[in-house]
Amino acid sequence: MSVAEGIVFVFLTYGLAGLVFAVYFALSGVARVDDAAKGSGFGFRLLIIPASAALWPLLLARVLSGRKVPVETNAHRQAARREDDGK
């Protein structure tokens, strides 16, 4: 096996593993990670397959850890939180 064949084999393996994971993630995994995706339609799930296949190691880690989508922290949210605490 030449170096070029080895590189192609690695990319094909990554792509195949990504495609298998992406189908699983689109059907059931995305609802575990993002509450906003619960009840989403077929079109949305079809749209996330390519990105899920490309980013499958990161998404797999998120699914296995059980962490949800992080909440953004910015100055506006912090100010609103301080106002809520003061009432």
C-alpha atoms as a PDB file:
ATOM      1  CA  MET A   1       0.000   0.000   0.000  1.00  0.00           C
ATOM      2  CA  SER A   2       1.405   3.352  -0.990  1.00  0.00           C
ATOM      3  CA  VAL A   3       1.225   6.500   1.071  1.00  0.00           C
ATOM      4  CA  ALA A   4      -1.483   7.908  -1.212  1.00  0.00           C
ATOM      5  CA  GLU A   5      -3.599   4.786  -0.805  1.00  0.00           C
ATOM      6  CA  GLY A   6      -3.160   4.984   2.956  1.00  0.00           C
ATOM      7  CA  ILE A   7      -4.329   8.583   3.020  1.00  0.00           C
ATOM      8  CA  VAL A   8      -7.348   7.745   0.869  1.00  0.00           C
ATOM      9  CA  PHE A   9      -8.149   4.795   3.148  1.00  0.00           C
ATOM     10  CA  VAL A  10      -8.025   7.014   6.246  1.00  0.00           C
ATOM     11  CA  PHE A  11     -10.336   9.604   4.678  1.00  0.00           C
ATOM     12  CA  LEU A  12     -12.772   6.959   3.462  1.00  0.00           C
ATOM     13  CA  THR A  13     -12.856   5.341   6.899  1.00  0.00           C
ATOM     14  CA  TYR A  14     -13.442   8.716   8.563  1.00  0.00           C
ATOM     15  CA  GLY A  15     -16.191   9.510   6.052  1.00  0.00           C
ATOM     16  CA  LEU A  16     -17.917   6.156   6.469  1.00  0.00           C
ATOM     17  CA  ALA A  17     -17.811   6.378  10.259  1.00  0.00           C
ATOM     18  CA  GLY A  18     -19.115   9.944   9.984  1.00  0.00           C
ATOM     19  CA  LEU A  19     -21.987   8.918   7.737  1.00  0.00           C
ATOM     20  CA  VAL A  20     -23.038   6.113  10.075  1.00  0.00           C
ATOM     21  CA  PHE A  21     -22.884   8.444  13.073  1.00  0.00           C
ATOM     22  CA  ALA A  22     -24.683  11.248  11.211  1.00  0.00           C
ATOM     23  CA  VAL A  23     -27.682   9.041  10.479  1.00  0.00           C
ATOM     24  CA  TYR A  24     -27.891   8.014  14.139  1.00  0.00           C
ATOM     25  CA  PHE A  25     -27.395  11.602  15.296  1.00  0.00           C
ATOM     26  CA  ALA A  26     -30.031  13.016  12.951  1.00  0.00           C
ATOM     27  CA  LEU A  27     -32.599  10.416  13.997  1.00  0.00           C
ATOM     28  CA  SER A  28     -32.157  10.429  17.766  1.00  0.00           C
ATOM     29  CA  GLY A  29     -28.914  11.977  19.012  1.00  0.00           C
ATOM     30  CA  VAL A  30     -29.662  15.607  18.240  1.00  0.00           C
ATOM     31  CA  ALA A  31     -32.664  15.615  20.595  1.00  0.00           C
ATOM     32  CA  ARG A  32     -30.403  14.475  23.430  1.00  0.00           C
ATOM     33  CA  VAL A  33     -27.948  17.318  22.859  1.00  0.00           C
ATOM     34  CA  ASP A  34     -30.263  20.210  21.951  1.00  0.00           C
ATOM     35  CA  ASP A  35     -33.725  20.595  23.463  1.00  0.00           C
ATOM     36  CA  ALA A  36     -34.740  22.941  20.632  1.00  0.00           C
ATOM     37  CA  ALA A  37     -34.316  20.074  18.154  1.00  0.00           C
ATOM     38  CA  LYS A  38     -36.954  17.910  19.833  1.00  0.00           C
ATOM     39  CA  GLY A  39     -39.895  17.482  17.512  1.00  0.00           C
ATOM     40  CA  SER A  40     -38.018  18.899  14.535  1.00  0.00           C
ATOM     41  CA  GLY A  41     -39.086  17.791  11.103  1.00  0.00           C
ATOM     42  CA  PHE A  42     -37.509  15.596   8.473  1.00  0.00           C
ATOM     43  CA  GLY A  43     -36.111  18.579   6.552  1.00  0.00           C
ATOM     44  CA  PHE A  44     -34.072  19.827   9.499  1.00  0.00           C
ATOM     45  CA  ARG A  45     -32.718  16.363  10.211  1.00  0.00           C
ATOM     46  CA  LEU A  46     -31.759  15.942   6.565  1.00  0.00           C
ATOM     47  CA  LEU A  47     -29.940  19.297   6.634  1.00  0.00           C
ATOM     48  CA  ILE A  48     -27.767  18.425   9.629  1.00  0.00           C
ATOM     49  CA  ILE A  49     -26.459  15.144   8.197  1.00  0.00           C
ATOM     50  CA  PRO A  50     -23.510  16.631   6.210  1.00  0.00           C
ATOM     51  CA  ALA A  51     -22.207  18.707   9.134  1.00  0.00           C
ATOM     52  CA  SER A  52     -22.794  15.828  11.545  1.00  0.00           C
ATOM     53  CA  ALA A  53     -20.777  13.532   9.296  1.00  0.00           C
ATOM     54  CA  ALA A  54     -17.894  16.010   9.153  1.00  0.00           C
ATOM     55  CA  LEU A  55     -17.890  16.854  12.870  1.00  0.00           C
ATOM     56  CA  TRP A  56     -18.799  13.426  14.199  1.00  0.00           C
ATOM     57  CA  PRO A  57     -15.982  13.098  16.780  1.00  0.00           C
ATOM     58  CA  LEU A  58     -17.054  16.330  18.518  1.00  0.00           C
ATOM     59  CA  LEU A  59     -20.732  15.469  18.408  1.00  0.00           C
ATOM     60  CA  LEU A  60     -20.087  11.920  19.615  1.00  0.00           C
ATOM     61  CA  ALA A  61     -18.233  13.302  22.630  1.00  0.00           C
ATOM     62  CA  ARG A  62     -21.163  15.641  23.339  1.00  0.00           C
ATOM     63  CA  VAL A  63     -23.706  12.797  23.081  1.00  0.00           C
ATOM     64  CA  LEU A  64     -21.677  10.461  25.282  1.00  0.00           C
ATOM     65  CA  SER A  65     -21.061  13.112  27.945  1.00  0.00           C
ATOM     66  CA  GLY A  66     -24.743  14.040  28.116  1.00  0.00           C
ATOM     67  CA  ARG A  67     -23.971  17.767  28.099  1.00  0.00           C
ATOM     68  CA  LYS A  68     -26.543  20.068  26.569  1.00  0.00           C
ATOM     69  CA  VAL A  69     -25.871  23.076  24.352  1.00  0.00           C
ATOM     70  CA  PRO A  70     -24.044  25.684  26.467  1.00  0.00           C
ATOM     71  CA  VAL A  71     -25.883  28.893  27.318  1.00  0.00           C
ATOM     72  CA  GLU A  72     -24.158  31.968  25.983  1.00  0.00           C
ATOM     73  CA  THR A  73     -22.844  34.375  28.608  1.00  0.00           C
ATOM     74  CA  ASN A  74     -22.594  38.001  27.552  1.00  0.00           C
ATOM     75  CA  ALA A  75     -23.005  41.429  29.155  1.00  0.00           C
ATOM     76  CA  HIS A  76     -26.718  41.617  28.326  1.00  0.00           C
ATOM     77  CA  ARG A  77     -27.534  38.266  29.946  1.00  0.00           C
ATOM     78  CA  GLN A  78     -25.440  39.116  32.990  1.00  0.00           C
ATOM     79  CA  ALA A  79     -27.243  42.455  33.427  1.00  0.00           C
ATOM     80  CA  ALA A  80     -30.639  40.778  33.064  1.00  0.00           C
ATOM     81  CA  ARG A  81     -29.657  38.164  35.625  1.00  0.00           C
ATOM     82  CA  ARG A  82     -28.597  40.895  38.099  1.00  0.00           C
ATOM     83  CA  GLU A  83     -31.944  42.655  37.598  1.00  0.00           C
ATOM     84  CA  ASP A  84     -33.834  39.406  38.238  1.00  0.00           C
ATOM     85  CA  ASP A  85     -31.839  38.774  41.401  1.00  0.00           C
ATOM     86  CA  GLY A  86     -32.620  42.285  42.695  1.00  0.00           C
ATOM     87  CA  LYS A  87     -36.426  41.895  42.443  1.00  0.00           C
END
